[in-house]
Amino acid sequence: MLRIAILDDYQDVALSMADWSLLPKDAKVDRFGDNVKDETKLAERLQPYEVLIIMRERTLFSRSLIERLPNLKLLITSAGRNAAIDQAACKDRGITVCGTDAFGSPTAELAWGLLLALFKNITVEDRATREGKWSLGLTQTLEGRTLGVLGLGKLGQRLAEVGKAFRMDVIAWSQNLTDERCAEVGVRRVEKDALFREADAISIHLVLSDRSRGLVGARELGLMKPTAYLVNTSRGPIVDEAALVDALKNRRIGGAGLDVFDVEPLPADHPLRSMPNTVITPHLGYGTEENYRLYFGQAVENIVNWLAGKPVKEIAAPRQP
C-alpha cells in the first residue's frame, strides 16, 4: 500500500481540489489540518508515509526531520521552490523533490486589498456599522499619494501597475534594482532611505533570504511618515516584528496590513491580534481556489509520473560551493 499524507490543509479542501482516483487503488491518502511545530511529534506522525504533499513553507523540513523519516521517497511542495526544505538532505537520502506551477498573481491582489482596507478604513467601519454606529471618520484618497514598492519583480510590478492606475506616484527600491528596470515598469527608482521617507504606503515584494531578513527594522520604520502604512504579503521575517509592534503601539506609523508573520499560525496571544491600526489575514496570499486546484492536481500527476519512473517538475538540490 502506498501511503500519502497531505500536510497543513488548514481549510480542509485538499481532497476536493483534485481527482485522487487517478492514484493506484492501493494508495491511501490522509490529510492533516493542523500545523505541528514539535519535530519529534511531527516525525512520529509522518514516519509511515512514502509520499508527502506539503504547502510551501508552512512546515520546516530540516535535515534532522528528514533523517527521521525512513520511508519517505517523494516530497511534493506547492509552487516551484520551498526554502523550508533542506534539499541537500533530501538528495543524500535519495528523496525526490517536486514542485508545481502557480496561477496568476493573487498575492499582489491581496496586497491591494490590505492597502485599500487601510486607506479606506474598511475593517473598522464594517465592524462599527454592524454594531449600529455610522461613519466614524474620514478616509483617504490614493490619487496623488506616493506608493513605495520594495522589490520590482513579477508581483511588485503588478502592484505598481495598479498604483499607477490609481494615479499614485510609484517609487521602488531593492538591492539590485536598476533605472532600466524601473523605466520598463514606468516607476521611479529611489534609494532605500528615500523610499521609506517619501512613501505614504510601502508594500514588500521580496524573496526571504539572508540579505532580506530583517531588512525593515526599527531604523527604516523610524524614517516613515507617522501617517504611512506598511504592507507585507511576502514573508514575515523580512520585517523586524518586534520593531513593527513597537512602532504600531506608539503610533509612529499609520498602520500595517499583514498577511505573513514570524510564527504561523499567529499565536493566540500575539499583540498584533489586538492592535486597532492593523489589518491582518492568515497568509491568504496564494490561497485561491485556482491555485489550489493547480497545486493538488499537479501533485496527483507528480505521484503518477513518479510511480512510472518519470518524475516531473523536479526541484534540484543546490550545488555545493
Foldseek 3Di string as FASTA:
>chain_A
DAEEEEEQPQVPCLVVLADLVVDDPPYDYYYDNDQDQDLVVVLVVQQVHQEYEYEAASYAADLVSVVSRLNHAEYEYEDQDHPRHQQVSCVVSNHFYFYFHADDFLLLVVLVVFVCCQQQVPVVQVVQVVVVDHDPDDGHQLAAFEEEEEDCDPSSLVNVVVSVVSNHQYEYDYDPDDPVSCVVSVHHYDDLLCSQQRHQEYEYDDADDPVQFQCAELVSLLNHQLAHEYEYLHEARSHPVVSVLVCLVVSSHQAYEYQYHPHPPPDPPDPVVPRSRYHYHPSCRRVDSVRSSRGSHVVSVQVVCVVVVHGPRTDHRDDDD
